[in-house]
Amino acid sequence: MFRSAGRAEAERATAEVSTQVNASQARVDAVTASLAEIHTAVEEINQTQRLIGGVLTEQVAVTGAILN
């Protein structure tokens, strides 16, 4: 009797741990997806900044040519 009670308790504990691990994995997956979206946004910002930097460089060159 004690063995089956112990086994049942172990099975419940194993199921609970499995549920918690699955929930944790789901949260990790969600965080990973969010970080990927953030990475994409940062890359887009960097690309825009490079474009703006290039335009400003051209503007400085044109302004310099006009003043000289």
PDB file of N, CA and C in Angstrom:
ATOM      1  N   MET A   1       0.821  -1.199   0.000  1.00  0.00           N
ATOM      2  CA  MET A   1       0.000   0.000   0.000  1.00  0.00           C
ATOM      3  C   MET A   1       0.863   1.260   0.000  1.00  0.00           C
ATOM      4  N   PHE A   2       1.901   1.258   0.834  1.00  0.00           N
ATOM      5  CA  PHE A   2       2.753   2.439   0.890  1.00  0.00           C
ATOM      6  C   PHE A   2       3.507   2.632  -0.421  1.00  0.00           C
ATOM      7  N   ARG A   3       3.862   1.518  -1.065  1.00  0.00           N
ATOM      8  CA  ARG A   3       4.576   1.640  -2.339  1.00  0.00           C
ATOM      9  C   ARG A   3       3.698   2.282  -3.397  1.00  0.00           C
ATOM     10  N   SER A   4       2.447   1.879  -3.470  1.00  0.00           N
ATOM     11  CA  SER A   4       1.581   2.463  -4.493  1.00  0.00           C
ATOM     12  C   SER A   4       1.283   3.920  -4.159  1.00  0.00           C
ATOM     13  N   ALA A   5       1.179   4.260  -2.897  1.00  0.00           N
ATOM     14  CA  ALA A   5       0.973   5.668  -2.514  1.00  0.00           C
ATOM     15  C   ALA A   5       2.214   6.473  -2.871  1.00  0.00           C
ATOM     16  N   GLY A   6       3.375   5.927  -2.618  1.00  0.00           N
ATOM     17  CA  GLY A   6       4.627   6.610  -2.970  1.00  0.00           C
ATOM     18  C   GLY A   6       4.769   6.764  -4.468  1.00  0.00           C
ATOM     19  N   ARG A   7       4.387   5.730  -5.186  1.00  0.00           N
ATOM     20  CA  ARG A   7       4.466   5.785  -6.650  1.00  0.00           C
ATOM     21  C   ARG A   7       3.496   6.830  -7.198  1.00  0.00           C
ATOM     22  N   ALA A   8       2.290   6.851  -6.649  1.00  0.00           N
ATOM     23  CA  ALA A   8       1.300   7.825  -7.098  1.00  0.00           C
ATOM     24  C   ALA A   8       1.785   9.252  -6.823  1.00  0.00           C
ATOM     25  N   GLU A   9       2.397   9.442  -5.657  1.00  0.00           N
ATOM     26  CA  GLU A   9       2.927  10.767  -5.307  1.00  0.00           C
ATOM     27  C   GLU A   9       4.058  11.146  -6.263  1.00  0.00           C
ATOM     28  N   ALA A  10       4.920  10.193  -6.567  1.00  0.00           N
ATOM     29  CA  ALA A  10       6.013  10.455  -7.504  1.00  0.00           C
ATOM     30  C   ALA A  10       5.479  10.792  -8.887  1.00  0.00           C
ATOM     31  N   GLU A  11       4.438  10.089  -9.315  1.00  0.00           N
ATOM     32  CA  GLU A  11       3.836  10.371 -10.620  1.00  0.00           C
ATOM     33  C   GLU A  11       3.208  11.762 -10.648  1.00  0.00           C
ATOM     34  N   ARG A  12       2.540  12.136  -9.562  1.00  0.00           N
ATOM     35  CA  ARG A  12       1.957  13.486  -9.492  1.00  0.00           C
ATOM     36  C   ARG A  12       3.062  14.540  -9.518  1.00  0.00           C
ATOM     37  N   ALA A  13       4.122  14.299  -8.760  1.00  0.00           N
ATOM     38  CA  ALA A  13       5.231  15.258  -8.727  1.00  0.00           C
ATOM     39  C   ALA A  13       5.883  15.374 -10.097  1.00  0.00           C
ATOM     40  N   THR A  14       6.062  14.245 -10.764  1.00  0.00           N
ATOM     41  CA  THR A  14       6.649  14.256 -12.101  1.00  0.00           C
ATOM     42  C   THR A  14       5.766  15.019 -13.072  1.00  0.00           C
ATOM     43  N   ALA A  15       4.470  14.812 -12.993  1.00  0.00           N
ATOM     44  CA  ALA A  15       3.532  15.522 -13.865  1.00  0.00           C
ATOM     45  C   ALA A  15       3.571  17.023 -13.582  1.00  0.00           C
ATOM     46  N   GLU A  16       3.654  17.384 -12.315  1.00  0.00           N
ATOM     47  CA  GLU A  16       3.710  18.803 -11.947  1.00  0.00           C
ATOM     48  C   GLU A  16       4.987  19.443 -12.473  1.00  0.00           C
ATOM     49  N   VAL A  17       6.107  18.757 -12.303  1.00  0.00           N
ATOM     50  CA  VAL A  17       7.384  19.280 -12.799  1.00  0.00           C
ATOM     51  C   VAL A  17       7.329  19.418 -14.322  1.00  0.00           C
ATOM     52  N   SER A  18       6.762  18.427 -14.980  1.00  0.00           N
ATOM     53  CA  SER A  18       6.637  18.474 -16.437  1.00  0.00           C
ATOM     54  C   SER A  18       5.798  19.674 -16.869  1.00  0.00           C
ATOM     55  N   THR A  19       4.707  19.921 -16.169  1.00  0.00           N
ATOM     56  CA  THR A  19       3.853  21.070 -16.474  1.00  0.00           C
ATOM     57  C   THR A  19       4.615  22.376 -16.289  1.00  0.00           C
ATOM     58  N   GLN A  20       5.362  22.469 -15.202  1.00  0.00           N
ATOM     59  CA  GLN A  20       6.134  23.685 -14.935  1.00  0.00           C
ATOM     60  C   GLN A  20       7.231  23.885 -15.976  1.00  0.00           C
ATOM     61  N   VAL A  21       7.893  22.809 -16.366  1.00  0.00           N
ATOM     62  CA  VAL A  21       8.935  22.902 -17.390  1.00  0.00           C
ATOM     63  C   VAL A  21       8.321  23.357 -18.712  1.00  0.00           C
ATOM     64  N   ASN A  22       7.188  22.792 -19.080  1.00  0.00           N
ATOM     65  CA  ASN A  22       6.520  23.190 -20.320  1.00  0.00           C
ATOM     66  C   ASN A  22       6.108  24.660 -20.282  1.00  0.00           C
ATOM     67  N   ALA A  23       5.600  25.107 -19.143  1.00  0.00           N
ATOM     68  CA  ALA A  23       5.213  26.513 -19.006  1.00  0.00           C
ATOM     69  C   ALA A  23       6.442  27.421 -19.118  1.00  0.00           C
ATOM     70  N   SER A  24       7.527  27.009 -18.491  1.00  0.00           N
ATOM     71  CA  SER A  24       8.765  27.797 -18.570  1.00  0.00           C
ATOM     72  C   SER A  24       9.270  27.845 -19.998  1.00  0.00           C
ATOM     73  N   GLN A  25       9.215  26.725 -20.694  1.00  0.00           N
ATOM     74  CA  GLN A  25       9.662  26.687 -22.093  1.00  0.00           C
ATOM     75  C   GLN A  25       8.804  27.595 -22.964  1.00  0.00           C
ATOM     76  N   ALA A  26       7.521  27.632 -22.712  1.00  0.00           N
ATOM     77  CA  ALA A  26       6.630  28.520 -23.469  1.00  0.00           C
ATOM     78  C   ALA A  26       7.005  29.978 -23.236  1.00  0.00           C
ATOM     79  N   ARG A  27       7.332  30.325 -21.982  1.00  0.00           N
ATOM     80  CA  ARG A  27       7.746  31.702 -21.678  1.00  0.00           C
ATOM     81  C   ARG A  27       9.068  32.031 -22.362  1.00  0.00           C
ATOM     82  N   VAL A  28      10.000  31.072 -22.348  1.00  0.00           N
ATOM     83  CA  VAL A  28      11.284  31.284 -23.016  1.00  0.00           C
ATOM     84  C   VAL A  28      11.071  31.484 -24.514  1.00  0.00           C
ATOM     85  N   ASP A  29      10.207  30.691 -25.107  1.00  0.00           N
ATOM     86  CA  ASP A  29       9.905  30.832 -26.534  1.00  0.00           C
ATOM     87  C   ASP A  29       9.318  32.212 -26.832  1.00  0.00           C
ATOM     88  N   ALA A  30       8.438  32.687 -25.971  1.00  0.00           N
ATOM     89  CA  ALA A  30       7.831  34.007 -26.164  1.00  0.00           C
ATOM     90  C   ALA A  30       8.885  35.108 -26.057  1.00  0.00           C
ATOM     91  N   VAL A  31       9.761  34.988 -25.086  1.00  0.00           N
ATOM     92  CA  VAL A  31      10.831  35.979 -24.914  1.00  0.00           C
ATOM     93  C   VAL A  31      11.759  35.962 -26.126  1.00  0.00           C
ATOM     94  N   THR A  32      12.092  34.769 -26.596  1.00  0.00           N
ATOM     95  CA  THR A  32      12.966  34.641 -27.763  1.00  0.00           C
ATOM     96  C   THR A  32      12.334  35.304 -28.988  1.00  0.00           C
ATOM     97  N   ALA A  33      11.055  35.096 -29.187  1.00  0.00           N
ATOM     98  CA  ALA A  33      10.356  35.720 -30.311  1.00  0.00           C
ATOM     99  C   ALA A  33      10.353  37.247 -30.161  1.00  0.00           C
ATOM    100  N   SER A  34      10.130  37.723 -28.955  1.00  0.00           N
ATOM    101  CA  SER A  34      10.141  39.172 -28.707  1.00  0.00           C
ATOM    102  C   SER A  34      11.512  39.764 -28.979  1.00  0.00           C
ATOM    103  N   LEU A  35      12.551  39.067 -28.544  1.00  0.00           N
ATOM    104  CA  LEU A  35      13.914  39.557 -28.787  1.00  0.00           C
ATOM    105  C   LEU A  35      14.235  39.587 -30.275  1.00  0.00           C
ATOM    106  N   ALA A  36      13.732  38.622 -31.014  1.00  0.00           N
ATOM    107  CA  ALA A  36      13.943  38.623 -32.467  1.00  0.00           C
ATOM    108  C   ALA A  36      13.265  39.840 -33.102  1.00  0.00           C
ATOM    109  N   GLU A  37      12.063  40.180 -32.638  1.00  0.00           N
ATOM    110  CA  GLU A  37      11.369  41.358 -33.147  1.00  0.00           C
ATOM    111  C   GLU A  37      12.127  42.637 -32.799  1.00  0.00           C
ATOM    112  N   ILE A  38      12.652  42.699 -31.592  1.00  0.00           N
ATOM    113  CA  ILE A  38      13.444  43.867 -31.177  1.00  0.00           C
ATOM    114  C   ILE A  38      14.690  43.982 -32.040  1.00  0.00           C
ATOM    115  N   HIS A  39      15.337  42.863 -32.293  1.00  0.00           N
ATOM    116  CA  HIS A  39      16.539  42.857 -33.131  1.00  0.00           C
ATOM    117  C   HIS A  39      16.216  43.410 -34.523  1.00  0.00           C
ATOM    118  N   THR A  40      15.108  42.978 -35.079  1.00  0.00           N
ATOM    119  CA  THR A  40      14.695  43.455 -36.399  1.00  0.00           C
ATOM    120  C   THR A  40      14.458  44.966 -36.378  1.00  0.00           C
ATOM    121  N   ALA A  41      13.788  45.438 -35.342  1.00  0.00           N
ATOM    122  CA  ALA A  41      13.521  46.879 -35.228  1.00  0.00           C
ATOM    123  C   ALA A  41      14.818  47.670 -35.105  1.00  0.00           C
ATOM    124  N   VAL A  42      15.750  47.180 -34.318  1.00  0.00           N
ATOM    125  CA  VAL A  42      17.032  47.868 -34.141  1.00  0.00           C
ATOM    126  C   VAL A  42      17.803  47.893 -35.463  1.00  0.00           C
ATOM    127  N   GLU A  43      17.771  46.796 -36.207  1.00  0.00           N
ATOM    128  CA  GLU A  43      18.433  46.766 -37.513  1.00  0.00           C
ATOM    129  C   GLU A  43      17.821  47.791 -38.456  1.00  0.00           C
ATOM    130  N   GLU A  44      16.501  47.919 -38.437  1.00  0.00           N
ATOM    131  CA  GLU A  44      15.838  48.912 -39.286  1.00  0.00           C
ATOM    132  C   GLU A  44      16.235  50.331 -38.879  1.00  0.00           C
ATOM    133  N   ILE A  45      16.336  50.573 -37.593  1.00  0.00           N
ATOM    134  CA  ILE A  45      16.768  51.889 -37.095  1.00  0.00           C
ATOM    135  C   ILE A  45      18.196  52.161 -37.538  1.00  0.00           C
ATOM    136  N   ASN A  46      19.068  51.172 -37.412  1.00  0.00           N
ATOM    137  CA  ASN A  46      20.462  51.349 -37.832  1.00  0.00           C
ATOM    138  C   ASN A  46      20.560  51.660 -39.316  1.00  0.00           C
ATOM    139  N   GLN A  47      19.773  50.960 -40.123  1.00  0.00           N
ATOM    140  CA  GLN A  47      19.779  51.202 -41.563  1.00  0.00           C
ATOM    141  C   GLN A  47      19.314  52.626 -41.867  1.00  0.00           C
ATOM    142  N   THR A  48      18.286  53.070 -41.184  1.00  0.00           N
ATOM    143  CA  THR A  48      17.781  54.433 -41.373  1.00  0.00           C
ATOM    144  C   THR A  48      18.831  55.455 -40.961  1.00  0.00           C
ATOM    145  N   GLN A  49      19.515  55.197 -39.854  1.00  0.00           N
ATOM    146  CA  GLN A  49      20.554  56.123 -39.395  1.00  0.00           C
ATOM    147  C   GLN A  49      21.699  56.205 -40.401  1.00  0.00           C
ATOM    148  N   ARG A  50      22.066  55.055 -40.994  1.00  0.00           N
ATOM    149  CA  ARG A  50      23.125  55.068 -42.008  1.00  0.00           C
ATOM    150  C   ARG A  50      22.681  55.887 -43.226  1.00  0.00           C
ATOM    151  N   LEU A  51      21.433  55.728 -43.616  1.00  0.00           N
ATOM    152  CA  LEU A  51      20.897  56.487 -44.749  1.00  0.00           C
ATOM    153  C   LEU A  51      20.921  57.982 -44.453  1.00  0.00           C
ATOM    154  N   ILE A  52      20.464  58.350 -43.273  1.00  0.00           N
ATOM    155  CA  ILE A  52      20.461  59.763 -42.881  1.00  0.00           C
ATOM    156  C   ILE A  52      21.885  60.308 -42.844  1.00  0.00           C
ATOM    157  N   GLY A  53      22.811  59.516 -42.310  1.00  0.00           N
ATOM    158  CA  GLY A  53      24.218  59.934 -42.268  1.00  0.00           C
ATOM    159  C   GLY A  53      24.764  60.189 -43.660  1.00  0.00           C
ATOM    160  N   GLY A  54      24.407  59.314 -44.608  1.00  0.00           N
ATOM    161  CA  GLY A  54      24.856  59.497 -45.981  1.00  0.00           C
ATOM    162  C   GLY A  54      24.286  60.758 -46.604  1.00  0.00           C
ATOM    163  N   VAL A  55      23.008  61.007 -46.361  1.00  0.00           N
ATOM    164  CA  VAL A  55      22.353  62.209 -46.895  1.00  0.00           C
ATOM    165  C   VAL A  55      22.987  63.464 -46.303  1.00  0.00           C
ATOM    166  N   LEU A  56      23.262  63.442 -45.014  1.00  0.00           N
ATOM    167  CA  LEU A  56      23.879  64.610 -44.381  1.00  0.00           C
ATOM    168  C   LEU A  56      25.283  64.862 -44.918  1.00  0.00           C
ATOM    169  N   THR A  57      26.013  63.792 -45.174  1.00  0.00           N
ATOM    170  CA  THR A  57      27.359  63.939 -45.751  1.00  0.00           C
ATOM    171  C   THR A  57      27.274  64.602 -47.123  1.00  0.00           C
ATOM    172  N   GLU A  58      26.311  64.160 -47.928  1.00  0.00           N
ATOM    173  CA  GLU A  58      26.120  64.768 -49.250  1.00  0.00           C
ATOM    174  C   GLU A  58      25.714  66.231 -49.117  1.00  0.00           C
ATOM    175  N   GLN A  59      24.840  66.510 -48.148  1.00  0.00           N
ATOM    176  CA  GLN A  59      24.383  67.886 -47.957  1.00  0.00           C
ATOM    177  C   GLN A  59      25.547  68.790 -47.567  1.00  0.00           C
ATOM    178  N   VAL A  60      26.411  68.312 -46.705  1.00  0.00           N
ATOM    179  CA  VAL A  60      27.580  69.108 -46.294  1.00  0.00           C
ATOM    180  C   VAL A  60      28.481  69.358 -47.500  1.00  0.00           C
ATOM    181  N   ALA A  61      28.673  68.337 -48.331  1.00  0.00           N
ATOM    182  CA  ALA A  61      29.514  68.496 -49.516  1.00  0.00           C
ATOM    183  C   ALA A  61      28.922  69.519 -50.493  1.00  0.00           C
ATOM    184  N   VAL A  62      27.618  69.436 -50.716  1.00  0.00           N
ATOM    185  CA  VAL A  62      26.946  70.366 -51.635  1.00  0.00           C
ATOM    186  C   VAL A  62      27.008  71.786 -51.077  1.00  0.00           C
ATOM    187  N   THR A  63      26.740  71.925 -49.781  1.00  0.00           N
ATOM    188  CA  THR A  63      26.796  73.250 -49.163  1.00  0.00           C
ATOM    189  C   THR A  63      28.204  73.826 -49.261  1.00  0.00           C
ATOM    190  N   GLY A  64      29.193  72.971 -49.023  1.00  0.00           N
ATOM    191  CA  GLY A  64      30.588  73.427 -49.141  1.00  0.00           C
ATOM    192  C   GLY A  64      30.921  73.869 -50.565  1.00  0.00           C
ATOM    193  N   ALA A  65      30.422  73.120 -51.549  1.00  0.00           N
ATOM    194  CA  ALA A  65      30.676  73.477 -52.937  1.00  0.00           C
ATOM    195  C   ALA A  65      30.001  74.794 -53.285  1.00  0.00           C
ATOM    196  N   ILE A  66      28.821  75.021 -52.776  1.00  0.00           N
ATOM    197  CA  ILE A  66      28.105  76.266 -53.050  1.00  0.00           C
ATOM    198  C   ILE A  66      28.832  77.463 -52.432  1.00  0.00           C
ATOM    199  N   LEU A  67      29.340  77.281 -51.226  1.00  0.00           N
ATOM    200  CA  LEU A  67      30.013  78.392 -50.533  1.00  0.00           C
ATOM    201  C   LEU A  67      31.384  78.675 -51.081  1.00  0.00           C
ATOM    202  N   ASN A  68      31.985  77.727 -51.750  1.00  0.00           N
ATOM    203  CA  ASN A  68      33.328  77.941 -52.280  1.00  0.00           C
ATOM    204  C   ASN A  68      33.214  78.421 -53.660  1.00  0.00           C
TER     205      ASN A  68
END
